[in-house]
Amino acid sequence: MFDIGFWELSVIAVVALLVVGPERLPKLARTAGLWLGRARRFVSSVKADIDREIAAEELKKTLAKQAESTGLYDIIEDTKKSIEPDVNAVADEPEQPAKSVTDKSNDANG
């Protein structure tokens, strides 16, 4: 963000010491630290809110896109409709009794 080096901080500290004085400088530094912490927390909470809003907006777009598409449900229904006649035809056929093993052996011998 800011490109402040060691020498710039030293100059700021010397000027603050001369302007404020040695008695009030620790209290000023503490107060500045508190305000800086509050500002950082505020910025991080705003960033988190923006990220949540962006994620919610992307989710809404995805859901809208899925609602517009034919979707998996239509594919399943089409598959059911195409299989249904075959299944009904097999179900309508009369059951044929299976030949027993002895019947097969008699057919082979005789």
N, C-alpha and C. Protein backbone atom coordinates (compact mmCIF):
# COMPACT_ATOMS: atom_id res chain seq x y z
N MET A 1 0.84 -1.17 0.00
CA MET A 1 0.00 0.00 0.00
C MET A 1 0.89 1.24 0.00
N PHE A 2 1.45 1.62 1.14
CA PHE A 2 2.37 2.74 1.21
C PHE A 2 3.77 2.19 1.26
N ASP A 3 4.67 2.88 0.61
CA ASP A 3 6.05 2.46 0.61
C ASP A 3 6.82 3.35 1.58
N ILE A 4 6.75 3.01 2.86
CA ILE A 4 7.42 3.79 3.89
C ILE A 4 8.55 2.94 4.44
N GLY A 5 9.75 3.48 4.35
CA GLY A 5 10.93 2.76 4.82
C GLY A 5 11.30 3.13 6.24
N PHE A 6 12.45 2.62 6.66
CA PHE A 6 12.92 2.86 8.02
C PHE A 6 13.21 4.33 8.25
N TRP A 7 13.86 5.01 7.29
CA TRP A 7 14.25 6.40 7.49
C TRP A 7 13.04 7.32 7.53
N GLU A 8 12.03 7.02 6.76
CA GLU A 8 10.82 7.84 6.82
C GLU A 8 10.13 7.71 8.18
N LEU A 9 10.08 6.48 8.70
CA LEU A 9 9.50 6.28 10.03
C LEU A 9 10.32 6.98 11.10
N SER A 10 11.64 6.99 10.96
CA SER A 10 12.50 7.68 11.93
C SER A 10 12.24 9.18 11.93
N VAL A 11 12.09 9.76 10.76
CA VAL A 11 11.81 11.20 10.66
C VAL A 11 10.45 11.51 11.27
N ILE A 12 9.45 10.69 11.02
CA ILE A 12 8.12 10.89 11.60
C ILE A 12 8.19 10.79 13.13
N ALA A 13 8.94 9.83 13.65
CA ALA A 13 9.05 9.66 15.10
C ALA A 13 9.75 10.87 15.74
N VAL A 14 10.81 11.39 15.12
CA VAL A 14 11.51 12.56 15.67
C VAL A 14 10.60 13.78 15.65
N VAL A 15 9.88 13.99 14.56
CA VAL A 15 8.98 15.14 14.48
C VAL A 15 7.86 15.01 15.52
N ALA A 16 7.32 13.81 15.69
CA ALA A 16 6.27 13.60 16.70
C ALA A 16 6.81 13.83 18.09
N LEU A 17 8.03 13.42 18.36
CA LEU A 17 8.64 13.64 19.68
C LEU A 17 8.83 15.12 19.94
N LEU A 18 9.24 15.89 18.95
CA LEU A 18 9.45 17.33 19.12
C LEU A 18 8.11 18.07 19.27
N VAL A 19 7.09 17.66 18.50
CA VAL A 19 5.81 18.38 18.52
C VAL A 19 5.01 18.02 19.76
N VAL A 20 4.89 16.74 20.08
CA VAL A 20 4.03 16.30 21.16
C VAL A 20 4.75 16.33 22.50
N GLY A 21 5.99 15.97 22.53
CA GLY A 21 6.74 15.92 23.77
C GLY A 21 6.85 14.50 24.28
N PRO A 22 7.85 14.24 25.10
CA PRO A 22 8.09 12.88 25.57
C PRO A 22 7.02 12.37 26.55
N GLU A 23 6.31 13.25 27.21
CA GLU A 23 5.30 12.81 28.19
C GLU A 23 4.06 12.26 27.49
N ARG A 24 3.64 12.90 26.43
CA ARG A 24 2.39 12.51 25.77
C ARG A 24 2.61 11.59 24.56
N LEU A 25 3.84 11.34 24.16
CA LEU A 25 4.10 10.51 22.98
C LEU A 25 3.63 9.07 23.15
N PRO A 26 3.83 8.39 24.29
CA PRO A 26 3.33 7.02 24.43
C PRO A 26 1.80 6.93 24.31
N LYS A 27 1.10 7.90 24.90
CA LYS A 27 -0.36 7.90 24.80
C LYS A 27 -0.79 8.15 23.35
N LEU A 28 -0.11 9.03 22.65
CA LEU A 28 -0.42 9.29 21.26
C LEU A 28 -0.17 8.05 20.40
N ALA A 29 0.92 7.35 20.66
CA ALA A 29 1.23 6.14 19.90
C ALA A 29 0.18 5.06 20.16
N ARG A 30 -0.25 4.92 21.41
CA ARG A 30 -1.27 3.94 21.76
C ARG A 30 -2.59 4.27 21.06
N THR A 31 -2.99 5.53 21.09
CA THR A 31 -4.22 5.96 20.45
C THR A 31 -4.15 5.75 18.93
N ALA A 32 -3.02 6.08 18.34
CA ALA A 32 -2.85 5.88 16.90
C ALA A 32 -2.94 4.40 16.56
N GLY A 33 -2.36 3.55 17.39
CA GLY A 33 -2.43 2.11 17.17
C GLY A 33 -3.86 1.59 17.25
N LEU A 34 -4.64 2.09 18.23
CA LEU A 34 -6.04 1.69 18.34
C LEU A 34 -6.84 2.09 17.11
N TRP A 35 -6.64 3.32 16.64
CA TRP A 35 -7.36 3.78 15.46
C TRP A 35 -6.94 3.01 14.21
N LEU A 36 -5.67 2.68 14.12
CA LEU A 36 -5.19 1.90 12.98
C LEU A 36 -5.80 0.49 12.99
N GLY A 37 -5.88 -0.12 14.18
CA GLY A 37 -6.50 -1.44 14.31
C GLY A 37 -7.97 -1.40 13.93
N ARG A 38 -8.68 -0.37 14.38
CA ARG A 38 -10.09 -0.23 14.02
C ARG A 38 -10.26 -0.07 12.51
N ALA A 39 -9.39 0.73 11.90
CA ALA A 39 -9.47 0.94 10.45
C ALA A 39 -9.22 -0.37 9.71
N ARG A 40 -8.24 -1.14 10.15
CA ARG A 40 -7.96 -2.43 9.49
C ARG A 40 -9.13 -3.40 9.63
N ARG A 41 -9.71 -3.46 10.84
CA ARG A 41 -10.87 -4.34 11.03
C ARG A 41 -12.04 -3.92 10.15
N PHE A 42 -12.26 -2.61 10.04
CA PHE A 42 -13.34 -2.10 9.21
C PHE A 42 -13.11 -2.48 7.74
N VAL A 43 -11.90 -2.28 7.27
CA VAL A 43 -11.59 -2.60 5.88
C VAL A 43 -11.75 -4.10 5.63
N SER A 44 -11.29 -4.93 6.56
CA SER A 44 -11.42 -6.38 6.37
C SER A 44 -12.89 -6.81 6.40
N SER A 45 -13.71 -6.18 7.25
CA SER A 45 -15.14 -6.54 7.27
C SER A 45 -15.84 -6.10 5.98
N VAL A 46 -15.46 -4.96 5.44
CA VAL A 46 -16.04 -4.50 4.17
C VAL A 46 -15.63 -5.44 3.04
N LYS A 47 -14.36 -5.86 3.04
CA LYS A 47 -13.91 -6.80 2.01
C LYS A 47 -14.66 -8.12 2.12
N ALA A 48 -14.87 -8.60 3.34
CA ALA A 48 -15.60 -9.85 3.53
C ALA A 48 -17.05 -9.72 3.06
N ASP A 49 -17.68 -8.59 3.34
CA ASP A 49 -19.05 -8.35 2.87
C ASP A 49 -19.12 -8.33 1.35
N ILE A 50 -18.16 -7.67 0.73
CA ILE A 50 -18.14 -7.60 -0.73
C ILE A 50 -17.93 -8.99 -1.32
N ASP A 51 -17.02 -9.78 -0.73
CA ASP A 51 -16.80 -11.14 -1.20
C ASP A 51 -18.06 -11.99 -1.09
N ARG A 52 -18.79 -11.85 0.03
CA ARG A 52 -20.05 -12.60 0.20
C ARG A 52 -21.08 -12.18 -0.83
N GLU A 53 -21.17 -10.88 -1.11
CA GLU A 53 -22.13 -10.40 -2.10
C GLU A 53 -21.77 -10.92 -3.49
N ILE A 54 -20.49 -10.93 -3.82
CA ILE A 54 -20.06 -11.43 -5.13
C ILE A 54 -20.39 -12.91 -5.24
N ALA A 55 -20.11 -13.67 -4.18
CA ALA A 55 -20.41 -15.11 -4.21
C ALA A 55 -21.91 -15.35 -4.34
N ALA A 56 -22.71 -14.55 -3.64
CA ALA A 56 -24.17 -14.71 -3.73
C ALA A 56 -24.66 -14.36 -5.14
N GLU A 57 -24.09 -13.35 -5.74
CA GLU A 57 -24.48 -12.96 -7.10
C GLU A 57 -24.10 -14.04 -8.10
N GLU A 58 -22.92 -14.63 -7.94
CA GLU A 58 -22.51 -15.72 -8.84
C GLU A 58 -23.43 -16.92 -8.68
N LEU A 59 -23.84 -17.21 -7.45
CA LEU A 59 -24.76 -18.32 -7.20
C LEU A 59 -26.11 -18.05 -7.86
N LYS A 60 -26.59 -16.82 -7.77
CA LYS A 60 -27.86 -16.47 -8.42
C LYS A 60 -27.77 -16.64 -9.93
N LYS A 61 -26.64 -16.22 -10.51
CA LYS A 61 -26.46 -16.36 -11.96
C LYS A 61 -26.43 -17.84 -12.35
N THR A 62 -25.74 -18.66 -11.56
CA THR A 62 -25.65 -20.08 -11.86
C THR A 62 -27.02 -20.73 -11.77
N LEU A 63 -27.78 -20.40 -10.74
CA LEU A 63 -29.12 -20.96 -10.59
C LEU A 63 -30.04 -20.51 -11.72
N ALA A 64 -29.92 -19.27 -12.14
CA ALA A 64 -30.75 -18.78 -13.24
C ALA A 64 -30.39 -19.50 -14.54
N LYS A 65 -29.10 -19.72 -14.75
CA LYS A 65 -28.66 -20.42 -15.96
C LYS A 65 -29.16 -21.86 -15.96
N GLN A 66 -29.14 -22.51 -14.80
CA GLN A 66 -29.63 -23.88 -14.70
C GLN A 66 -31.14 -23.94 -14.89
N ALA A 67 -31.84 -22.94 -14.43
CA ALA A 67 -33.29 -22.91 -14.60
C ALA A 67 -33.67 -22.75 -16.07
N GLU A 68 -32.85 -22.04 -16.83
CA GLU A 68 -33.13 -21.83 -18.25
C GLU A 68 -32.80 -23.07 -19.08
N SER A 69 -31.83 -23.85 -18.67
CA SER A 69 -31.43 -25.00 -19.47
C SER A 69 -32.43 -26.14 -19.30
N THR A 70 -32.39 -27.09 -20.25
CA THR A 70 -33.32 -28.20 -20.19
C THR A 70 -33.07 -29.05 -18.97
N GLY A 71 -31.86 -29.24 -18.63
CA GLY A 71 -31.53 -29.91 -17.39
C GLY A 71 -31.59 -31.41 -17.45
N LEU A 72 -31.15 -32.00 -16.40
CA LEU A 72 -31.09 -33.45 -16.27
C LEU A 72 -32.49 -34.06 -16.16
N TYR A 73 -33.42 -33.35 -15.57
CA TYR A 73 -34.78 -33.87 -15.41
C TYR A 73 -35.40 -34.20 -16.76
N ASP A 74 -35.24 -33.30 -17.73
CA ASP A 74 -35.82 -33.55 -19.06
C ASP A 74 -35.16 -34.76 -19.73
N ILE A 75 -33.87 -34.90 -19.56
CA ILE A 75 -33.17 -36.05 -20.15
C ILE A 75 -33.68 -37.35 -19.54
N ILE A 76 -33.89 -37.36 -18.24
CA ILE A 76 -34.41 -38.55 -17.57
C ILE A 76 -35.82 -38.88 -18.07
N GLU A 77 -36.64 -37.86 -18.19
CA GLU A 77 -38.01 -38.08 -18.67
C GLU A 77 -38.02 -38.61 -20.10
N ASP A 78 -37.17 -38.06 -20.96
CA ASP A 78 -37.08 -38.56 -22.34
C ASP A 78 -36.63 -40.01 -22.37
N THR A 79 -35.69 -40.35 -21.54
CA THR A 79 -35.19 -41.73 -21.48
C THR A 79 -36.29 -42.66 -21.00
N LYS A 80 -37.04 -42.25 -20.00
CA LYS A 80 -38.15 -43.07 -19.51
C LYS A 80 -39.18 -43.30 -20.61
N LYS A 81 -39.50 -42.25 -21.35
CA LYS A 81 -40.50 -42.38 -22.42
C LYS A 81 -40.01 -43.32 -23.53
N SER A 82 -38.73 -43.28 -23.82
CA SER A 82 -38.22 -44.14 -24.90
C SER A 82 -38.11 -45.59 -24.45
N ILE A 83 -37.90 -45.84 -23.18
CA ILE A 83 -37.78 -47.21 -22.67
C ILE A 83 -39.13 -47.81 -22.36
N GLU A 84 -40.11 -47.00 -22.02
CA GLU A 84 -41.42 -47.48 -21.60
C GLU A 84 -42.07 -48.46 -22.58
N PRO A 85 -42.09 -48.22 -23.90
CA PRO A 85 -42.72 -49.19 -24.82
C PRO A 85 -42.03 -50.56 -24.78
N ASP A 86 -40.72 -50.59 -24.68
CA ASP A 86 -40.01 -51.86 -24.61
C ASP A 86 -40.34 -52.62 -23.33
N VAL A 87 -40.40 -51.90 -22.25
CA VAL A 87 -40.70 -52.54 -20.96
C VAL A 87 -42.13 -53.06 -20.96
N ASN A 88 -43.06 -52.30 -21.49
CA ASN A 88 -44.46 -52.74 -21.55
C ASN A 88 -44.61 -53.95 -22.45
N ALA A 89 -43.87 -54.00 -23.56
CA ALA A 89 -43.96 -55.14 -24.47
C ALA A 89 -43.46 -56.40 -23.79
N VAL A 90 -42.39 -56.30 -23.05
CA VAL A 90 -41.85 -57.46 -22.34
C VAL A 90 -42.81 -57.88 -21.24
N ALA A 91 -43.42 -56.92 -20.58
CA ALA A 91 -44.34 -57.24 -19.49
C ALA A 91 -45.63 -57.88 -20.01
N ASP A 92 -46.05 -57.56 -21.24
CA ASP A 92 -47.26 -58.12 -21.80
C ASP A 92 -47.09 -59.54 -22.33
N GLU A 93 -45.88 -59.96 -22.61
CA GLU A 93 -45.65 -61.31 -23.12
C GLU A 93 -46.02 -62.33 -22.05
N PRO A 94 -46.68 -63.43 -22.48
CA PRO A 94 -47.03 -64.45 -21.49
C PRO A 94 -45.77 -65.16 -21.03
N GLU A 95 -45.82 -65.54 -19.79
CA GLU A 95 -44.66 -66.23 -19.23
C GLU A 95 -44.59 -67.64 -19.79
N GLN A 96 -43.43 -68.06 -20.19
CA GLN A 96 -43.24 -69.42 -20.68
C GLN A 96 -42.53 -70.20 -19.59
N PRO A 97 -43.08 -71.35 -19.26
CA PRO A 97 -42.43 -72.12 -18.21
C PRO A 97 -41.07 -72.61 -18.69
N ALA A 98 -40.14 -72.58 -17.78
CA ALA A 98 -38.81 -73.04 -18.11
C ALA A 98 -38.79 -74.55 -18.16
N LYS A 99 -38.03 -75.11 -19.09
CA LYS A 99 -37.92 -76.56 -19.16
C LYS A 99 -37.03 -77.04 -18.04
N SER A 100 -37.41 -78.13 -17.48
CA SER A 100 -36.58 -78.67 -16.41
C SER A 100 -35.38 -79.39 -17.01
N VAL A 101 -34.45 -79.71 -16.19
CA VAL A 101 -33.24 -80.39 -16.64
C VAL A 101 -33.58 -81.78 -17.18
N THR A 102 -34.55 -82.44 -16.57
CA THR A 102 -34.92 -83.80 -17.03
C THR A 102 -35.59 -83.73 -18.38
N ASP A 103 -36.37 -82.67 -18.66
CA ASP A 103 -37.00 -82.51 -19.95
C ASP A 103 -35.95 -82.35 -21.05
N LYS A 104 -34.90 -81.61 -20.75
CA LYS A 104 -33.84 -81.38 -21.72
C LYS A 104 -33.10 -82.69 -22.01
N SER A 105 -32.86 -83.46 -20.98
CA SER A 105 -32.14 -84.72 -21.19
C SER A 105 -32.99 -85.70 -21.98
N ASN A 106 -34.30 -85.70 -21.77
CA ASN A 106 -35.20 -86.58 -22.53
C ASN A 106 -35.25 -86.17 -23.99
N ASP A 107 -35.22 -84.83 -24.25
CA ASP A 107 -35.22 -84.34 -25.62
C ASP A 107 -33.95 -84.76 -26.33
N ALA A 108 -32.84 -84.74 -25.65
CA ALA A 108 -31.57 -85.08 -26.25
C ALA A 108 -31.49 -86.58 -26.53
N ASN A 109 -32.06 -87.43 -25.66
CA ASN A 109 -32.01 -88.88 -25.84
C ASN A 109 -33.06 -89.37 -26.84
N GLY A 110 -34.06 -88.69 -26.93
CA GLY A 110 -35.13 -89.32 -27.64
C GLY A 110 -35.64 -88.67 -28.79
